[in-house]
Amino acid sequence: MSNLIFLIPIALFLGGLGLAAFIWSLSSGQYDDLDGAAERILIDEEDEV
């Protein structure tokens, strides 16, 4: 039971860290163009020399 004194704050800290990373990724535009990366692999681009 005394282990919960250590485990609960650690779990809350890691959860908050994950939430902060998710909010940062939203604000930096990581999820703006979800279809572009998926379709980019299908486009055949030839190198122009």
PDB file of N, CA and C in Angstrom:
ATOM      1  N   MET A   1       0.814  -1.197   0.000  1.00  0.00           N
ATOM      2  CA  MET A   1       0.000   0.000   0.000  1.00  0.00           C
ATOM      3  C   MET A   1       0.858   1.261   0.000  1.00  0.00           C
ATOM      4  N   SER A   2       2.012   1.170   0.604  1.00  0.00           N
ATOM      5  CA  SER A   2       2.884   2.350   0.630  1.00  0.00           C
ATOM      6  C   SER A   2       3.503   2.615  -0.744  1.00  0.00           C
ATOM      7  N   ASN A   3       3.471   1.614  -1.626  1.00  0.00           N
ATOM      8  CA  ASN A   3       4.000   1.826  -2.975  1.00  0.00           C
ATOM      9  C   ASN A   3       3.128   2.791  -3.774  1.00  0.00           C
ATOM     10  N   LEU A   4       1.854   2.884  -3.421  1.00  0.00           N
ATOM     11  CA  LEU A   4       0.958   3.782  -4.131  1.00  0.00           C
ATOM     12  C   LEU A   4       1.336   5.243  -3.927  1.00  0.00           C
ATOM     13  N   ILE A   5       1.997   5.531  -2.828  1.00  0.00           N
ATOM     14  CA  ILE A   5       2.436   6.899  -2.568  1.00  0.00           C
ATOM     15  C   ILE A   5       3.429   7.344  -3.638  1.00  0.00           C
ATOM     16  N   PHE A   6       4.208   6.407  -4.162  1.00  0.00           N
ATOM     17  CA  PHE A   6       5.178   6.721  -5.205  1.00  0.00           C
ATOM     18  C   PHE A   6       4.604   6.525  -6.600  1.00  0.00           C
ATOM     19  N   LEU A   7       3.774   5.503  -6.781  1.00  0.00           N
ATOM     20  CA  LEU A   7       3.315   5.153  -8.119  1.00  0.00           C
ATOM     21  C   LEU A   7       2.269   6.116  -8.671  1.00  0.00           C
ATOM     22  N   ILE A   8       1.385   6.617  -7.832  1.00  0.00           N
ATOM     23  CA  ILE A   8       0.337   7.521  -8.318  1.00  0.00           C
ATOM     24  C   ILE A   8       0.920   8.840  -8.833  1.00  0.00           C
ATOM     25  N   PRO A   9       1.820   9.502  -8.122  1.00  0.00           N
ATOM     26  CA  PRO A   9       2.408  10.733  -8.692  1.00  0.00           C
ATOM     27  C   PRO A   9       3.224  10.472  -9.961  1.00  0.00           C
ATOM     28  N   ILE A  10       3.917   9.343 -10.014  1.00  0.00           N
ATOM     29  CA  ILE A  10       4.684   9.019 -11.223  1.00  0.00           C
ATOM     30  C   ILE A  10       3.743   8.805 -12.395  1.00  0.00           C
ATOM     31  N   ALA A  11       2.631   8.102 -12.179  1.00  0.00           N
ATOM     32  CA  ALA A  11       1.656   7.863 -13.239  1.00  0.00           C
ATOM     33  C   ALA A  11       1.011   9.174 -13.695  1.00  0.00           C
ATOM     34  N   LEU A  12       0.701  10.043 -12.764  1.00  0.00           N
ATOM     35  CA  LEU A  12       0.123  11.342 -13.124  1.00  0.00           C
ATOM     36  C   LEU A  12       1.117  12.194 -13.892  1.00  0.00           C
ATOM     37  N   PHE A  13       2.376  12.156 -13.493  1.00  0.00           N
ATOM     38  CA  PHE A  13       3.400  12.917 -14.198  1.00  0.00           C
ATOM     39  C   PHE A  13       3.578  12.405 -15.625  1.00  0.00           C
ATOM     40  N   LEU A  14       3.644  11.096 -15.809  1.00  0.00           N
ATOM     41  CA  LEU A  14       3.821  10.532 -17.144  1.00  0.00           C
ATOM     42  C   LEU A  14       2.596  10.782 -18.020  1.00  0.00           C
ATOM     43  N   GLY A  15       1.417  10.725 -17.428  1.00  0.00           N
ATOM     44  CA  GLY A  15       0.205  11.048 -18.177  1.00  0.00           C
ATOM     45  C   GLY A  15       0.183  12.503 -18.610  1.00  0.00           C
ATOM     46  N   GLY A  16       0.575  13.396 -17.721  1.00  0.00           N
ATOM     47  CA  GLY A  16       0.652  14.818 -18.068  1.00  0.00           C
ATOM     48  C   GLY A  16       1.712  15.086 -19.118  1.00  0.00           C
ATOM     49  N   LEU A  17       2.819  14.362 -19.051  1.00  0.00           N
ATOM     50  CA  LEU A  17       3.872  14.504 -20.049  1.00  0.00           C
ATOM     51  C   LEU A  17       3.380  14.055 -21.425  1.00  0.00           C
ATOM     52  N   GLY A  18       2.650  12.958 -21.466  1.00  0.00           N
ATOM     53  CA  GLY A  18       2.081  12.497 -22.725  1.00  0.00           C
ATOM     54  C   GLY A  18       1.055  13.461 -23.269  1.00  0.00           C
ATOM     55  N   LEU A  19       0.221  14.022 -22.405  1.00  0.00           N
ATOM     56  CA  LEU A  19      -0.768  15.001 -22.830  1.00  0.00           C
ATOM     57  C   LEU A  19      -0.095  16.272 -23.350  1.00  0.00           C
ATOM     58  N   ALA A  20       0.963  16.701 -22.685  1.00  0.00           N
ATOM     59  CA  ALA A  20       1.689  17.886 -23.140  1.00  0.00           C
ATOM     60  C   ALA A  20       2.334  17.638 -24.503  1.00  0.00           C
ATOM     61  N   ALA A  21       2.866  16.443 -24.724  1.00  0.00           N
ATOM     62  CA  ALA A  21       3.462  16.123 -26.025  1.00  0.00           C
ATOM     63  C   ALA A  21       2.398  16.087 -27.114  1.00  0.00           C
ATOM     64  N   PHE A  22       1.212  15.573 -26.797  1.00  0.00           N
ATOM     65  CA  PHE A  22       0.135  15.536 -27.771  1.00  0.00           C
ATOM     66  C   PHE A  22      -0.350  16.936 -28.113  1.00  0.00           C
ATOM     67  N   ILE A  23      -0.497  17.797 -27.118  1.00  0.00           N
ATOM     68  CA  ILE A  23      -0.934  19.174 -27.364  1.00  0.00           C
ATOM     69  C   ILE A  23       0.126  19.930 -28.154  1.00  0.00           C
ATOM     70  N   TRP A  24       1.410  19.687 -27.862  1.00  0.00           N
ATOM     71  CA  TRP A  24       2.471  20.317 -28.637  1.00  0.00           C
ATOM     72  C   TRP A  24       2.419  19.871 -30.091  1.00  0.00           C
ATOM     73  N   SER A  25       2.171  18.579 -30.336  1.00  0.00           N
ATOM     74  CA  SER A  25       2.119  18.101 -31.715  1.00  0.00           C
ATOM     75  C   SER A  25       0.918  18.676 -32.455  1.00  0.00           C
ATOM     76  N   LEU A  26      -0.178  18.909 -31.761  1.00  0.00           N
ATOM     77  CA  LEU A  26      -1.327  19.545 -32.396  1.00  0.00           C
ATOM     78  C   LEU A  26      -1.011  20.992 -32.767  1.00  0.00           C
ATOM     79  N   SER A  27      -0.367  21.700 -31.870  1.00  0.00           N
ATOM     80  CA  SER A  27      -0.092  23.118 -32.128  1.00  0.00           C
ATOM     81  C   SER A  27       1.016  23.321 -33.154  1.00  0.00           C
ATOM     82  N   SER A  28       1.879  22.325 -33.340  1.00  0.00           N
ATOM     83  CA  SER A  28       2.953  22.483 -34.321  1.00  0.00           C
ATOM     84  C   SER A  28       2.552  22.008 -35.707  1.00  0.00           C
ATOM     85  N   GLY A  29       1.321  21.509 -35.868  1.00  0.00           N
ATOM     86  CA  GLY A  29       0.819  21.168 -37.197  1.00  0.00           C
ATOM     87  C   GLY A  29       1.155  19.774 -37.667  1.00  0.00           C
ATOM     88  N   GLN A  30       1.377  18.847 -36.768  1.00  0.00           N
ATOM     89  CA  GLN A  30       1.724  17.489 -37.161  1.00  0.00           C
ATOM     90  C   GLN A  30       0.562  16.758 -37.833  1.00  0.00           C
ATOM     91  N   TYR A  31      -0.657  17.153 -37.545  1.00  0.00           N
ATOM     92  CA  TYR A  31      -1.829  16.439 -38.056  1.00  0.00           C
ATOM     93  C   TYR A  31      -2.588  17.245 -39.099  1.00  0.00           C
ATOM     94  N   ASP A  32      -1.963  18.224 -39.717  1.00  0.00           N
ATOM     95  CA  ASP A  32      -2.662  19.068 -40.675  1.00  0.00           C
ATOM     96  C   ASP A  32      -2.952  18.355 -41.991  1.00  0.00           C
ATOM     97  N   ASP A  33      -2.000  17.608 -42.513  1.00  0.00           N
ATOM     98  CA  ASP A  33      -2.148  16.983 -43.822  1.00  0.00           C
ATOM     99  C   ASP A  33      -1.956  15.475 -43.692  1.00  0.00           C
ATOM    100  N   LEU A  34      -3.017  14.771 -43.323  1.00  0.00           N
ATOM    101  CA  LEU A  34      -2.904  13.333 -43.131  1.00  0.00           C
ATOM    102  C   LEU A  34      -2.911  12.572 -44.446  1.00  0.00           C
ATOM    103  N   ASP A  35      -3.616  13.073 -45.467  1.00  0.00           N
ATOM    104  CA  ASP A  35      -3.711  12.363 -46.734  1.00  0.00           C
ATOM    105  C   ASP A  35      -2.518  12.635 -47.638  1.00  0.00           C
ATOM    106  N   GLY A  36      -1.861  13.746 -47.458  1.00  0.00           N
ATOM    107  CA  GLY A  36      -0.750  14.100 -48.327  1.00  0.00           C
ATOM    108  C   GLY A  36       0.406  13.120 -48.247  1.00  0.00           C
ATOM    109  N   ALA A  37       0.772  12.711 -47.067  1.00  0.00           N
ATOM    110  CA  ALA A  37       1.879  11.774 -46.912  1.00  0.00           C
ATOM    111  C   ALA A  37       1.511  10.396 -47.443  1.00  0.00           C
ATOM    112  N   ALA A  38       0.266  10.015 -47.313  1.00  0.00           N
ATOM    113  CA  ALA A  38      -0.162   8.708 -47.810  1.00  0.00           C
ATOM    114  C   ALA A  38      -0.194   8.681 -49.327  1.00  0.00           C
ATOM    115  N   GLU A  39      -0.554   9.793 -49.952  1.00  0.00           N
ATOM    116  CA  GLU A  39      -0.619   9.832 -51.412  1.00  0.00           C
ATOM    117  C   GLU A  39       0.721  10.162 -52.048  1.00  0.00           C
ATOM    118  N   ARG A  40       1.614  10.742 -51.300  1.00  0.00           N
ATOM    119  CA  ARG A  40       2.913  11.138 -51.840  1.00  0.00           C
ATOM    120  C   ARG A  40       3.737   9.932 -52.290  1.00  0.00           C
ATOM    121  N   ILE A  41       3.535   8.798 -51.620  1.00  0.00           N
ATOM    122  CA  ILE A  41       4.302   7.610 -51.976  1.00  0.00           C
ATOM    123  C   ILE A  41       3.838   7.031 -53.312  1.00  0.00           C
ATOM    124  N   LEU A  42       2.608   7.342 -53.723  1.00  0.00           N
ATOM    125  CA  LEU A  42       2.061   6.801 -54.959  1.00  0.00           C
ATOM    126  C   LEU A  42       2.428   7.629 -56.187  1.00  0.00           C
ATOM    127  N   ILE A  43       2.840   8.865 -55.976  1.00  0.00           N
ATOM    128  CA  ILE A  43       3.181   9.753 -57.087  1.00  0.00           C
ATOM    129  C   ILE A  43       4.593   9.439 -57.562  1.00  0.00           C
ATOM    130  N   ASP A  44       4.715   9.193 -58.859  1.00  0.00           N
ATOM    131  CA  ASP A  44       6.010   8.874 -59.441  1.00  0.00           C
ATOM    132  C   ASP A  44       6.665  10.165 -59.900  1.00  0.00           C
ATOM    133  N   GLU A  45       7.674  10.587 -59.174  1.00  0.00           N
ATOM    134  CA  GLU A  45       8.403  11.790 -59.525  1.00  0.00           C
ATOM    135  C   GLU A  45       9.750  11.397 -60.109  1.00  0.00           C
ATOM    136  N   GLU A  46      10.028  11.901 -61.298  1.00  0.00           N
ATOM    137  CA  GLU A  46      11.314  11.624 -61.903  1.00  0.00           C
ATOM    138  C   GLU A  46      12.260  12.770 -61.581  1.00  0.00           C
ATOM    139  N   ASP A  47      13.500  12.413 -61.323  1.00  0.00           N
ATOM    140  CA  ASP A  47      14.516  13.423 -61.016  1.00  0.00           C
ATOM    141  C   ASP A  47      14.883  14.187 -62.277  1.00  0.00           C
ATOM    142  N   GLU A  48      14.844  15.494 -62.193  1.00  0.00           N
ATOM    143  CA  GLU A  48      15.235  16.331 -63.318  1.00  0.00           C
ATOM    144  C   GLU A  48      16.694  16.710 -63.154  1.00  0.00           C
ATOM    145  N   VAL A  49      17.479  16.422 -64.155  1.00  0.00           N
ATOM    146  CA  VAL A  49      18.915  16.692 -64.077  1.00  0.00           C
ATOM    147  C   VAL A  49      19.268  17.888 -64.891  1.00  0.00           C
TER     148      VAL A  49
END
